[in-house]
Amino acid sequence: MKNNFLTLLFLAVASCAFAQTKVMQITTVESIIPGGLGRSKMIVTDETGKQTDSEMKNFYSMVGINLENIQSNDVSIVKIMNKYSGEGWKITSVNSATQSPNEQYPQGIFITRYLLTK
């Protein structure tokens, strides 16, 4: 009986805590298409499902990899993370993947998903 009560109490407390957790996601898609022809964006999906996006720079320009563009993207990501951190959001997980250009498929992207909770 005591074990059942403690289990039920734990489940009640845990479900209340979880029910109040808000989740949002920030996705960055950075083009790695040679020649700077790709599109790069940051997409923010808030806890209500509303999405906003902003432009980011492509990794490549017409002359090759563009370090200034990468630095610009880093600044954009840090600014948005600082904004949401100041609002109480915490990064829960980060996942990234790359579709690399190759001879058969000359296009590619670098995608990162940041899951935030509060």
PDB file of N, CA and C in Angstrom:
ATOM      1  N   MET A   1       0.819  -1.191   0.000  1.00  0.00           N
ATOM      2  CA  MET A   1       0.000   0.000   0.000  1.00  0.00           C
ATOM      3  C   MET A   1       0.868   1.261   0.000  1.00  0.00           C
ATOM      4  N   LYS A   2       1.907   1.282   0.864  1.00  0.00           N
ATOM      5  CA  LYS A   2       2.789   2.444   0.940  1.00  0.00           C
ATOM      6  C   LYS A   2       3.518   2.642  -0.391  1.00  0.00           C
ATOM      7  N   ASN A   3       3.968   1.556  -1.017  1.00  0.00           N
ATOM      8  CA  ASN A   3       4.638   1.636  -2.316  1.00  0.00           C
ATOM      9  C   ASN A   3       3.721   2.208  -3.381  1.00  0.00           C
ATOM     10  N   ASN A   4       2.470   1.802  -3.403  1.00  0.00           N
ATOM     11  CA  ASN A   4       1.504   2.310  -4.383  1.00  0.00           C
ATOM     12  C   ASN A   4       1.283   3.813  -4.204  1.00  0.00           C
ATOM     13  N   PHE A   5       1.166   4.247  -2.933  1.00  0.00           N
ATOM     14  CA  PHE A   5       0.964   5.664  -2.660  1.00  0.00           C
ATOM     15  C   PHE A   5       2.157   6.489  -3.131  1.00  0.00           C
ATOM     16  N   LEU A   6       3.373   6.026  -2.830  1.00  0.00           N
ATOM     17  CA  LEU A   6       4.574   6.751  -3.255  1.00  0.00           C
ATOM     18  C   LEU A   6       4.691   6.779  -4.772  1.00  0.00           C
ATOM     19  N   THR A   7       4.348   5.678  -5.412  1.00  0.00           N
ATOM     20  CA  THR A   7       4.380   5.638  -6.878  1.00  0.00           C
ATOM     21  C   THR A   7       3.392   6.626  -7.467  1.00  0.00           C
ATOM     22  N   LEU A   8       2.168   6.635  -6.940  1.00  0.00           N
ATOM     23  CA  LEU A   8       1.150   7.569  -7.431  1.00  0.00           C
ATOM     24  C   LEU A   8       1.552   9.021  -7.169  1.00  0.00           C
ATOM     25  N   LEU A   9       2.131   9.281  -6.008  1.00  0.00           N
ATOM     26  CA  LEU A   9       2.582  10.635  -5.689  1.00  0.00           C
ATOM     27  C   LEU A   9       3.676  11.078  -6.654  1.00  0.00           C
ATOM     28  N   PHE A  10       4.638  10.202  -6.901  1.00  0.00           N
ATOM     29  CA  PHE A  10       5.714  10.521  -7.839  1.00  0.00           C
ATOM     30  C   PHE A  10       5.156  10.804  -9.230  1.00  0.00           C
ATOM     31  N   LEU A  11       4.249   9.950  -9.703  1.00  0.00           N
ATOM     32  CA  LEU A  11       3.664  10.141 -11.040  1.00  0.00           C
ATOM     33  C   LEU A  11       2.881  11.446 -11.124  1.00  0.00           C
ATOM     34  N   ALA A  12       2.170  11.793 -10.067  1.00  0.00           N
ATOM     35  CA  ALA A  12       1.405  13.047 -10.064  1.00  0.00           C
ATOM     36  C   ALA A  12       2.328  14.255 -10.141  1.00  0.00           C
ATOM     37  N   VAL A  13       3.390  14.239  -9.336  1.00  0.00           N
ATOM     38  CA  VAL A  13       4.345  15.352  -9.344  1.00  0.00           C
ATOM     39  C   VAL A  13       5.053  15.432 -10.685  1.00  0.00           C
ATOM     40  N   ALA A  14       5.491  14.284 -11.222  1.00  0.00           N
ATOM     41  CA  ALA A  14       6.201  14.261 -12.502  1.00  0.00           C
ATOM     42  C   ALA A  14       5.304  14.744 -13.630  1.00  0.00           C
ATOM     43  N   SER A  15       4.031  14.337 -13.642  1.00  0.00           N
ATOM     44  CA  SER A  15       3.151  14.758 -14.730  1.00  0.00           C
ATOM     45  C   SER A  15       2.848  16.246 -14.648  1.00  0.00           C
ATOM     46  N   CYS A  16       2.746  16.799 -13.449  1.00  0.00           N
ATOM     47  CA  CYS A  16       2.540  18.246 -13.314  1.00  0.00           C
ATOM     48  C   CYS A  16       3.745  19.014 -13.823  1.00  0.00           C
ATOM     49  N   ALA A  17       4.931  18.543 -13.482  1.00  0.00           N
ATOM     50  CA  ALA A  17       6.146  19.209 -13.935  1.00  0.00           C
ATOM     51  C   ALA A  17       6.263  19.135 -15.437  1.00  0.00           C
ATOM     52  N   PHE A  18       5.946  17.982 -16.023  1.00  0.00           N
ATOM     53  CA  PHE A  18       6.056  17.817 -17.472  1.00  0.00           C
ATOM     54  C   PHE A  18       5.000  18.646 -18.196  1.00  0.00           C
ATOM     55  N   ALA A  19       3.806  18.713 -17.642  1.00  0.00           N
ATOM     56  CA  ALA A  19       2.721  19.445 -18.296  1.00  0.00           C
ATOM     57  C   ALA A  19       3.052  20.927 -18.431  1.00  0.00           C
ATOM     58  N   GLN A  20       3.899  21.443 -17.555  1.00  0.00           N
ATOM     59  CA  GLN A  20       4.238  22.843 -17.608  1.00  0.00           C
ATOM     60  C   GLN A  20       5.486  23.117 -18.438  1.00  0.00           C
ATOM     61  N   THR A  21       6.118  22.072 -18.959  1.00  0.00           N
ATOM     62  CA  THR A  21       7.310  22.256 -19.784  1.00  0.00           C
ATOM     63  C   THR A  21       6.914  22.752 -21.161  1.00  0.00           C
ATOM     64  N   LYS A  22       7.553  23.816 -21.595  1.00  0.00           N
ATOM     65  CA  LYS A  22       7.334  24.348 -22.937  1.00  0.00           C
ATOM     66  C   LYS A  22       8.522  23.949 -23.796  1.00  0.00           C
ATOM     67  N   VAL A  23       8.258  23.685 -25.054  1.00  0.00           N
ATOM     68  CA  VAL A  23       9.296  23.238 -25.980  1.00  0.00           C
ATOM     69  C   VAL A  23       9.289  24.136 -27.211  1.00  0.00           C
ATOM     70  N   MET A  24      10.472  24.481 -27.680  1.00  0.00           N
ATOM     71  CA  MET A  24      10.609  25.189 -28.950  1.00  0.00           C
ATOM     72  C   MET A  24      11.808  24.623 -29.690  1.00  0.00           C
ATOM     73  N   GLN A  25      11.855  24.854 -30.974  1.00  0.00           N
ATOM     74  CA  GLN A  25      12.964  24.336 -31.774  1.00  0.00           C
ATOM     75  C   GLN A  25      13.507  25.430 -32.684  1.00  0.00           C
ATOM     76  N   ILE A  26      14.822  25.457 -32.793  1.00  0.00           N
ATOM     77  CA  ILE A  26      15.496  26.348 -33.736  1.00  0.00           C
ATOM     78  C   ILE A  26      16.245  25.453 -34.714  1.00  0.00           C
ATOM     79  N   THR A  27      16.006  25.656 -35.993  1.00  0.00           N
ATOM     80  CA  THR A  27      16.666  24.871 -37.033  1.00  0.00           C
ATOM     81  C   THR A  27      17.478  25.816 -37.907  1.00  0.00           C
ATOM     82  N   THR A  28      18.748  25.486 -38.090  1.00  0.00           N
ATOM     83  CA  THR A  28      19.567  26.239 -39.036  1.00  0.00           C
ATOM     84  C   THR A  28      19.888  25.332 -40.210  1.00  0.00           C
ATOM     85  N   VAL A  29      19.666  25.850 -41.403  1.00  0.00           N
ATOM     86  CA  VAL A  29      19.970  25.132 -42.639  1.00  0.00           C
ATOM     87  C   VAL A  29      20.958  26.003 -43.400  1.00  0.00           C
ATOM     88  N   GLU A  30      22.184  25.497 -43.519  1.00  0.00           N
ATOM     89  CA  GLU A  30      23.231  26.280 -44.166  1.00  0.00           C
ATOM     90  C   GLU A  30      23.662  25.564 -45.438  1.00  0.00           C
ATOM     91  N   SER A  31      23.588  26.279 -46.543  1.00  0.00           N
ATOM     92  CA  SER A  31      23.880  25.712 -47.848  1.00  0.00           C
ATOM     93  C   SER A  31      25.371  25.455 -48.020  1.00  0.00           C
ATOM     94  N   ILE A  32      25.684  24.275 -48.546  1.00  0.00           N
ATOM     95  CA  ILE A  32      27.065  23.973 -48.930  1.00  0.00           C
ATOM     96  C   ILE A  32      27.092  23.629 -50.421  1.00  0.00           C
ATOM     97  N   ILE A  33      26.365  24.438 -51.180  1.00  0.00           N
ATOM     98  CA  ILE A  33      26.319  24.277 -52.632  1.00  0.00           C
ATOM     99  C   ILE A  33      27.404  25.151 -53.242  1.00  0.00           C
ATOM    100  N   PRO A  34      28.312  24.565 -54.004  1.00  0.00           N
ATOM    101  CA  PRO A  34      29.373  25.358 -54.628  1.00  0.00           C
ATOM    102  C   PRO A  34      28.807  26.515 -55.461  1.00  0.00           C
ATOM    103  N   GLY A  35      29.524  27.610 -55.468  1.00  0.00           N
ATOM    104  CA  GLY A  35      29.111  28.774 -56.255  1.00  0.00           C
ATOM    105  C   GLY A  35      28.173  29.703 -55.515  1.00  0.00           C
ATOM    106  N   GLY A  36      27.813  29.374 -54.281  1.00  0.00           N
ATOM    107  CA  GLY A  36      26.943  30.254 -53.501  1.00  0.00           C
ATOM    108  C   GLY A  36      25.520  30.317 -53.991  1.00  0.00           C
ATOM    109  N   LEU A  37      25.064  29.271 -54.706  1.00  0.00           N
ATOM    110  CA  LEU A  37      23.735  29.296 -55.292  1.00  0.00           C
ATOM    111  C   LEU A  37      22.643  28.789 -54.354  1.00  0.00           C
ATOM    112  N   GLY A  38      23.018  28.261 -53.193  1.00  0.00           N
ATOM    113  CA  GLY A  38      22.034  27.691 -52.279  1.00  0.00           C
ATOM    114  C   GLY A  38      21.332  28.737 -51.445  1.00  0.00           C
ATOM    115  N   ARG A  39      20.402  28.253 -50.630  1.00  0.00           N
ATOM    116  CA  ARG A  39      19.674  29.128 -49.704  1.00  0.00           C
ATOM    117  C   ARG A  39      19.943  28.645 -48.287  1.00  0.00           C
ATOM    118  N   SER A  40      20.161  29.566 -47.387  1.00  0.00           N
ATOM    119  CA  SER A  40      20.396  29.240 -45.991  1.00  0.00           C
ATOM    120  C   SER A  40      19.412  30.016 -45.130  1.00  0.00           C
ATOM    121  N   LYS A  41      18.869  29.345 -44.095  1.00  0.00           N
ATOM    122  CA  LYS A  41      17.858  29.978 -43.238  1.00  0.00           C
ATOM    123  C   LYS A  41      17.984  29.498 -41.809  1.00  0.00           C
ATOM    124  N   MET A  42      17.445  30.313 -40.903  1.00  0.00           N
ATOM    125  CA  MET A  42      17.216  29.909 -39.524  1.00  0.00           C
ATOM    126  C   MET A  42      15.709  29.932 -39.321  1.00  0.00           C
ATOM    127  N   ILE A  43      15.156  28.818 -38.847  1.00  0.00           N
ATOM    128  CA  ILE A  43      13.714  28.700 -38.623  1.00  0.00           C
ATOM    129  C   ILE A  43      13.485  28.490 -37.133  1.00  0.00           C
ATOM    130  N   VAL A  44      12.661  29.335 -36.535  1.00  0.00           N
ATOM    131  CA  VAL A  44      12.316  29.213 -35.124  1.00  0.00           C
ATOM    132  C   VAL A  44      10.853  28.789 -35.037  1.00  0.00           C
ATOM    133  N   THR A  45      10.613  27.658 -34.364  1.00  0.00           N
ATOM    134  CA  THR A  45       9.252  27.180 -34.109  1.00  0.00           C
ATOM    135  C   THR A  45       9.010  27.320 -32.616  1.00  0.00           C
ATOM    136  N   ASP A  46       8.116  28.255 -32.235  1.00  0.00           N
ATOM    137  CA  ASP A  46       7.901  28.502 -30.808  1.00  0.00           C
ATOM    138  C   ASP A  46       6.986  27.446 -30.200  1.00  0.00           C
ATOM    139  N   GLU A  47       6.693  27.590 -28.906  1.00  0.00           N
ATOM    140  CA  GLU A  47       5.916  26.582 -28.186  1.00  0.00           C
ATOM    141  C   GLU A  47       4.482  26.450 -28.675  1.00  0.00           C
ATOM    142  N   THR A  48       3.990  27.442 -29.434  1.00  0.00           N
ATOM    143  CA  THR A  48       2.632  27.360 -29.976  1.00  0.00           C
ATOM    144  C   THR A  48       2.604  26.786 -31.391  1.00  0.00           C
ATOM    145  N   GLY A  49       3.774  26.548 -31.974  1.00  0.00           N
ATOM    146  CA  GLY A  49       3.858  26.039 -33.335  1.00  0.00           C
ATOM    147  C   GLY A  49       4.065  27.122 -34.380  1.00  0.00           C
ATOM    148  N   LYS A  50       4.047  28.380 -33.949  1.00  0.00           N
ATOM    149  CA  LYS A  50       4.265  29.490 -34.885  1.00  0.00           C
ATOM    150  C   LYS A  50       5.723  29.475 -35.349  1.00  0.00           C
ATOM    151  N   GLN A  51       5.906  29.679 -36.645  1.00  0.00           N
ATOM    152  CA  GLN A  51       7.259  29.679 -37.204  1.00  0.00           C
ATOM    153  C   GLN A  51       7.628  31.048 -37.748  1.00  0.00           C
ATOM    154  N   THR A  52       8.901  31.390 -37.508  1.00  0.00           N
ATOM    155  CA  THR A  52       9.479  32.574 -38.130  1.00  0.00           C
ATOM    156  C   THR A  52      10.810  32.144 -38.731  1.00  0.00           C
ATOM    157  N   ASP A  53      11.203  32.795 -39.792  1.00  0.00           N
ATOM    158  CA  ASP A  53      12.496  32.442 -40.368  1.00  0.00           C
ATOM    159  C   ASP A  53      13.277  33.690 -40.713  1.00  0.00           C
ATOM    160  N   SER A  54      14.569  33.517 -40.759  1.00  0.00           N
ATOM    161  CA  SER A  54      15.444  34.617 -41.146  1.00  0.00           C
ATOM    162  C   SER A  54      16.534  34.068 -42.053  1.00  0.00           C
ATOM    163  N   GLU A  55      17.009  34.932 -42.911  1.00  0.00           N
ATOM    164  CA  GLU A  55      18.044  34.535 -43.868  1.00  0.00           C
ATOM    165  C   GLU A  55      19.376  34.346 -43.164  1.00  0.00           C
ATOM    166  N   MET A  56      20.132  33.388 -43.658  1.00  0.00           N
ATOM    167  CA  MET A  56      21.514  33.201 -43.228  1.00  0.00           C
ATOM    168  C   MET A  56      22.361  33.201 -44.487  1.00  0.00           C
ATOM    169  N   LYS A  57      23.653  33.236 -44.318  1.00  0.00           N
ATOM    170  CA  LYS A  57      24.579  33.275 -45.457  1.00  0.00           C
ATOM    171  C   LYS A  57      24.939  31.849 -45.892  1.00  0.00           C
ATOM    172  N   ASN A  58      25.228  31.703 -47.168  1.00  0.00           N
ATOM    173  CA  ASN A  58      25.681  30.412 -47.690  1.00  0.00           C
ATOM    174  C   ASN A  58      27.149  30.197 -47.330  1.00  0.00           C
ATOM    175  N   PHE A  59      27.525  28.944 -47.121  1.00  0.00           N
ATOM    176  CA  PHE A  59      28.922  28.638 -46.787  1.00  0.00           C
ATOM    177  C   PHE A  59      29.870  28.969 -47.932  1.00  0.00           C
ATOM    178  N   TYR A  60      29.375  28.841 -49.169  1.00  0.00           N
ATOM    179  CA  TYR A  60      30.225  29.065 -50.333  1.00  0.00           C
ATOM    180  C   TYR A  60      29.819  30.338 -51.055  1.00  0.00           C
ATOM    181  N   SER A  61      30.816  30.998 -51.622  1.00  0.00           N
ATOM    182  CA  SER A  61      30.557  32.102 -52.547  1.00  0.00           C
ATOM    183  C   SER A  61      31.034  31.631 -53.919  1.00  0.00           C
ATOM    184  N   MET A  62      31.108  32.515 -54.863  1.00  0.00           N
ATOM    185  CA  MET A  62      31.532  32.135 -56.220  1.00  0.00           C
ATOM    186  C   MET A  62      33.002  31.694 -56.258  1.00  0.00           C
ATOM    187  N   VAL A  63      33.790  32.089 -55.269  1.00  0.00           N
ATOM    188  CA  VAL A  63      35.219  31.752 -55.284  1.00  0.00           C
ATOM    189  C   VAL A  63      35.578  30.640 -54.302  1.00  0.00           C
ATOM    190  N   GLY A  64      34.595  30.033 -53.659  1.00  0.00           N
ATOM    191  CA  GLY A  64      34.875  28.936 -52.726  1.00  0.00           C
ATOM    192  C   GLY A  64      34.276  29.204 -51.356  1.00  0.00           C
ATOM    193  N   ILE A  65      34.796  28.506 -50.351  1.00  0.00           N
ATOM    194  CA  ILE A  65      34.272  28.653 -48.997  1.00  0.00           C
ATOM    195  C   ILE A  65      34.471  30.091 -48.525  1.00  0.00           C
ATOM    196  N   ASN A  66      33.442  30.627 -47.873  1.00  0.00           N
ATOM    197  CA  ASN A  66      33.457  32.020 -47.455  1.00  0.00           C
ATOM    198  C   ASN A  66      33.436  32.083 -45.924  1.00  0.00           C
ATOM    199  N   LEU A  67      34.602  32.296 -45.333  1.00  0.00           N
ATOM    200  CA  LEU A  67      34.711  32.311 -43.872  1.00  0.00           C
ATOM    201  C   LEU A  67      33.935  33.460 -43.239  1.00  0.00           C
ATOM    202  N   GLU A  68      33.818  34.580 -43.943  1.00  0.00           N
ATOM    203  CA  GLU A  68      33.028  35.699 -43.415  1.00  0.00           C
ATOM    204  C   GLU A  68      31.560  35.311 -43.289  1.00  0.00           C
ATOM    205  N   ASN A  69      31.051  34.531 -44.238  1.00  0.00           N
ATOM    206  CA  ASN A  69      29.664  34.072 -44.152  1.00  0.00           C
ATOM    207  C   ASN A  69      29.471  33.137 -42.963  1.00  0.00           C
ATOM    208  N   ILE A  70      30.431  32.254 -42.744  1.00  0.00           N
ATOM    209  CA  ILE A  70      30.343  31.334 -41.609  1.00  0.00           C
ATOM    210  C   ILE A  70      30.370  32.126 -40.305  1.00  0.00           C
ATOM    211  N   GLN A  71      31.237  33.115 -40.217  1.00  0.00           N
ATOM    212  CA  GLN A  71      31.297  33.955 -39.016  1.00  0.00           C
ATOM    213  C   GLN A  71      29.984  34.708 -38.816  1.00  0.00           C
ATOM    214  N   SER A  72      29.408  35.210 -39.891  1.00  0.00           N
ATOM    215  CA  SER A  72      28.133  35.918 -39.810  1.00  0.00           C
ATOM    216  C   SER A  72      27.032  34.994 -39.285  1.00  0.00           C
ATOM    217  N   ASN A  73      27.005  33.758 -39.784  1.00  0.00           N
ATOM    218  CA  ASN A  73      26.010  32.798 -39.315  1.00  0.00           C
ATOM    219  C   ASN A  73      26.205  32.487 -37.831  1.00  0.00           C
ATOM    220  N   ASP A  74      27.460  32.340 -37.421  1.00  0.00           N
ATOM    221  CA  ASP A  74      27.743  32.079 -36.003  1.00  0.00           C
ATOM    222  C   ASP A  74      27.205  33.208 -35.126  1.00  0.00           C
ATOM    223  N   VAL A  75      27.399  34.442 -35.550  1.00  0.00           N
ATOM    224  CA  VAL A  75      26.894  35.588 -34.793  1.00  0.00           C
ATOM    225  C   VAL A  75      25.369  35.535 -34.718  1.00  0.00           C
ATOM    226  N   SER A  76      24.710  35.221 -35.815  1.00  0.00           N
ATOM    227  CA  SER A  76      23.238  35.127 -35.826  1.00  0.00           C
ATOM    228  C   SER A  76      22.737  34.065 -34.857  1.00  0.00           C
ATOM    229  N   ILE A  77      23.403  32.902 -34.860  1.00  0.00           N
ATOM    230  CA  ILE A  77      22.995  31.802 -33.978  1.00  0.00           C
ATOM    231  C   ILE A  77      23.211  32.181 -32.517  1.00  0.00           C
ATOM    232  N   VAL A  78      24.352  32.766 -32.210  1.00  0.00           N
ATOM    233  CA  VAL A  78      24.644  33.158 -30.826  1.00  0.00           C
ATOM    234  C   VAL A  78      23.651  34.223 -30.351  1.00  0.00           C
ATOM    235  N   LYS A  79      23.321  35.181 -31.200  1.00  0.00           N
ATOM    236  CA  LYS A  79      22.367  36.225 -30.813  1.00  0.00           C
ATOM    237  C   LYS A  79      21.005  35.632 -30.480  1.00  0.00           C
ATOM    238  N   ILE A  80      20.512  34.710 -31.304  1.00  0.00           N
ATOM    239  CA  ILE A  80      19.185  34.138 -31.054  1.00  0.00           C
ATOM    240  C   ILE A  80      19.209  33.259 -29.809  1.00  0.00           C
ATOM    241  N   MET A  81      20.315  32.535 -29.608  1.00  0.00           N
ATOM    242  CA  MET A  81      20.426  31.701 -28.399  1.00  0.00           C
ATOM    243  C   MET A  81      20.486  32.573 -27.146  1.00  0.00           C
ATOM    244  N   ASN A  82      21.210  33.679 -27.201  1.00  0.00           N
ATOM    245  CA  ASN A  82      21.266  34.597 -26.060  1.00  0.00           C
ATOM    246  C   ASN A  82      19.899  35.212 -25.775  1.00  0.00           C
ATOM    247  N   LYS A  83      19.171  35.543 -26.827  1.00  0.00           N
ATOM    248  CA  LYS A  83      17.826  36.110 -26.665  1.00  0.00           C
ATOM    249  C   LYS A  83      16.938  35.139 -25.898  1.00  0.00           C
ATOM    250  N   TYR A  84      16.885  33.890 -26.357  1.00  0.00           N
ATOM    251  CA  TYR A  84      16.001  32.919 -25.717  1.00  0.00           C
ATOM    252  C   TYR A  84      16.522  32.476 -24.352  1.00  0.00           C
ATOM    253  N   SER A  85      17.815  32.438 -24.168  1.00  0.00           N
ATOM    254  CA  SER A  85      18.384  32.127 -22.864  1.00  0.00           C
ATOM    255  C   SER A  85      17.958  33.188 -21.845  1.00  0.00           C
ATOM    256  N   GLY A  86      17.967  34.444 -22.276  1.00  0.00           N
ATOM    257  CA  GLY A  86      17.523  35.534 -21.413  1.00  0.00           C
ATOM    258  C   GLY A  86      16.051  35.448 -21.049  1.00  0.00           C
ATOM    259  N   GLU A  87      15.273  34.717 -21.864  1.00  0.00           N
ATOM    260  CA  GLU A  87      13.846  34.520 -21.589  1.00  0.00           C
ATOM    261  C   GLU A  87      13.598  33.234 -20.791  1.00  0.00           C
ATOM    262  N   GLY A  88      14.685  32.570 -20.379  1.00  0.00           N
ATOM    263  CA  GLY A  88      14.533  31.379 -19.544  1.00  0.00           C
ATOM    264  C   GLY A  88      14.592  30.050 -20.277  1.00  0.00           C
ATOM    265  N   TRP A  89      14.834  30.064 -21.581  1.00  0.00           N
ATOM    266  CA  TRP A  89      14.917  28.823 -22.347  1.00  0.00           C
ATOM    267  C   TRP A  89      16.288  28.176 -22.144  1.00  0.00           C
ATOM    268  N   LYS A  90      16.302  26.856 -22.083  1.00  0.00           N
ATOM    269  CA  LYS A  90      17.539  26.076 -21.939  1.00  0.00           C
ATOM    270  C   LYS A  90      17.652  25.113 -23.118  1.00  0.00           C
ATOM    271  N   ILE A  91      18.859  24.942 -23.629  1.00  0.00           N
ATOM    272  CA  ILE A  91      19.077  23.971 -24.696  1.00  0.00           C
ATOM    273  C   ILE A  91      19.010  22.570 -24.094  1.00  0.00           C
ATOM    274  N   THR A  92      18.110  21.747 -24.632  1.00  0.00           N
ATOM    275  CA  THR A  92      17.944  20.375 -24.163  1.00  0.00           C
ATOM    276  C   THR A  92      18.754  19.407 -25.008  1.00  0.00           C
ATOM    277  N   SER A  93      18.768  19.638 -26.319  1.00  0.00           N
ATOM    278  CA  SER A  93      19.563  18.775 -27.195  1.00  0.00           C
ATOM    279  C   SER A  93      19.897  19.519 -28.487  1.00  0.00           C
ATOM    280  N   VAL A  94      20.966  19.048 -29.120  1.00  0.00           N
ATOM    281  CA  VAL A  94      21.399  19.593 -30.407  1.00  0.00           C
ATOM    282  C   VAL A  94      21.699  18.409 -31.312  1.00  0.00           C
ATOM    283  N   ASN A  95      21.106  18.423 -32.507  1.00  0.00           N
ATOM    284  CA  ASN A  95      21.356  17.383 -33.503  1.00  0.00           C
ATOM    285  C   ASN A  95      21.766  18.047 -34.805  1.00  0.00           C
ATOM    286  N   SER A  96      22.753  17.470 -35.457  1.00  0.00           N
ATOM    287  CA  SER A  96      23.167  18.034 -36.739  1.00  0.00           C
ATOM    288  C   SER A  96      23.407  16.919 -37.746  1.00  0.00           C
ATOM    289  N   ALA A  97      23.330  17.299 -39.002  1.00  0.00           N
ATOM    290  CA  ALA A  97      23.561  16.349 -40.099  1.00  0.00           C
ATOM    291  C   ALA A  97      24.058  17.134 -41.303  1.00  0.00           C
ATOM    292  N   THR A  98      24.715  16.419 -42.200  1.00  0.00           N
ATOM    293  CA  THR A  98      25.225  17.034 -43.417  1.00  0.00           C
ATOM    294  C   THR A  98      24.875  16.163 -44.609  1.00  0.00           C
ATOM    295  N   GLN A  99      24.386  16.793 -45.662  1.00  0.00           N
ATOM    296  CA  GLN A  99      24.265  16.141 -46.968  1.00  0.00           C
ATOM    297  C   GLN A  99      25.374  16.743 -47.806  1.00  0.00           C
ATOM    298  N   SER A 100      26.421  15.982 -48.034  1.00  0.00           N
ATOM    299  CA  SER A 100      27.602  16.511 -48.716  1.00  0.00           C
ATOM    300  C   SER A 100      27.458  16.431 -50.228  1.00  0.00           C
ATOM    301  N   PRO A 101      27.954  17.449 -50.919  1.00  0.00           N
ATOM    302  CA  PRO A 101      27.974  17.389 -52.379  1.00  0.00           C
ATOM    303  C   PRO A 101      28.907  16.262 -52.836  1.00  0.00           C
ATOM    304  N   ASN A 102      28.562  15.627 -53.939  1.00  0.00           N
ATOM    305  CA  ASN A 102      29.437  14.622 -54.544  1.00  0.00           C
ATOM    306  C   ASN A 102      29.247  14.650 -56.057  1.00  0.00           C
ATOM    307  N   GLU A 103      29.897  13.758 -56.764  1.00  0.00           N
ATOM    308  CA  GLU A 103      29.838  13.786 -58.236  1.00  0.00           C
ATOM    309  C   GLU A 103      28.423  13.592 -58.766  1.00  0.00           C
ATOM    310  N   GLN A 104      27.647  12.721 -58.136  1.00  0.00           N
ATOM    311  CA  GLN A 104      26.282  12.469 -58.600  1.00  0.00           C
ATOM    312  C   GLN A 104      25.280  13.517 -58.111  1.00  0.00           C
ATOM    313  N   TYR A 105      25.565  14.128 -56.971  1.00  0.00           N
ATOM    314  CA  TYR A 105      24.643  15.083 -56.361  1.00  0.00           C
ATOM    315  C   TYR A 105      25.442  16.293 -55.894  1.00  0.00           C
ATOM    316  N   PRO A 106      25.537  17.335 -56.730  1.00  0.00           N
ATOM    317  CA  PRO A 106      26.441  18.450 -56.426  1.00  0.00           C
ATOM    318  C   PRO A 106      25.915  19.446 -55.379  1.00  0.00           C
ATOM    319  N   GLN A 107      24.770  19.139 -54.754  1.00  0.00           N
ATOM    320  CA  GLN A 107      24.226  20.063 -53.767  1.00  0.00           C
ATOM    321  C   GLN A 107      24.364  19.474 -52.371  1.00  0.00           C
ATOM    322  N   GLY A 108      24.364  20.338 -51.368  1.00  0.00           N
ATOM    323  CA  GLY A 108      24.453  19.862 -49.999  1.00  0.00           C
ATOM    324  C   GLY A 108      23.976  20.899 -49.008  1.00  0.00           C
ATOM    325  N   ILE A 109      23.667  20.424 -47.794  1.00  0.00           N
ATOM    326  CA  ILE A 109      23.268  21.312 -46.708  1.00  0.00           C
ATOM    327  C   ILE A 109      23.915  20.843 -45.415  1.00  0.00           C
ATOM    328  N   PHE A 110      24.016  21.748 -44.493  1.00  0.00           N
ATOM    329  CA  PHE A 110      24.415  21.460 -43.124  1.00  0.00           C
ATOM    330  C   PHE A 110      23.245  21.913 -42.271  1.00  0.00           C
ATOM    331  N   ILE A 111      22.609  20.972 -41.571  1.00  0.00           N
ATOM    332  CA  ILE A 111      21.413  21.297 -40.786  1.00  0.00           C
ATOM    333  C   ILE A 111      21.693  21.019 -39.318  1.00  0.00           C
ATOM    334  N   THR A 112      21.241  21.934 -38.467  1.00  0.00           N
ATOM    335  CA  THR A 112      21.365  21.746 -37.022  1.00  0.00           C
ATOM    336  C   THR A 112      20.025  22.077 -36.391  1.00  0.00           C
ATOM    337  N   ARG A 113      19.594  21.204 -35.490  1.00  0.00           N
ATOM    338  CA  ARG A 113      18.341  21.436 -34.762  1.00  0.00           C
ATOM    339  C   ARG A 113      18.658  21.574 -33.278  1.00  0.00           C
ATOM    340  N   TYR A 114      18.199  22.682 -32.722  1.00  0.00           N
ATOM    341  CA  TYR A 114      18.377  22.974 -31.302  1.00  0.00           C
ATOM    342  C   TYR A 114      17.013  22.855 -30.637  1.00  0.00           C
ATOM    343  N   LEU A 115      16.865  21.934 -29.682  1.00  0.00           N
ATOM    344  CA  LEU A 115      15.619  21.786 -28.933  1.00  0.00           C
ATOM    345  C   LEU A 115      15.786  22.533 -27.621  1.00  0.00           C
ATOM    346  N   LEU A 116      14.865  23.466 -27.343  1.00  0.00           N
ATOM    347  CA  LEU A 116      14.922  24.269 -26.135  1.00  0.00           C
ATOM    348  C   LEU A 116      13.687  24.004 -25.281  1.00  0.00           C
ATOM    349  N   THR A 117      13.850  24.042 -23.971  1.00  0.00           N
ATOM    350  CA  THR A 117      12.722  23.863 -23.053  1.00  0.00           C
ATOM    351  C   THR A 117      12.770  24.918 -21.955  1.00  0.00           C
ATOM    352  N   LYS A 118      11.585  25.117 -21.348  1.00  0.00           N
ATOM    353  CA  LYS A 118      11.514  25.943 -20.138  1.00  0.00           C
ATOM    354  C   LYS A 118      10.263  25.573 -19.370  1.00  0.00           C
TER     355      LYS A 118
END
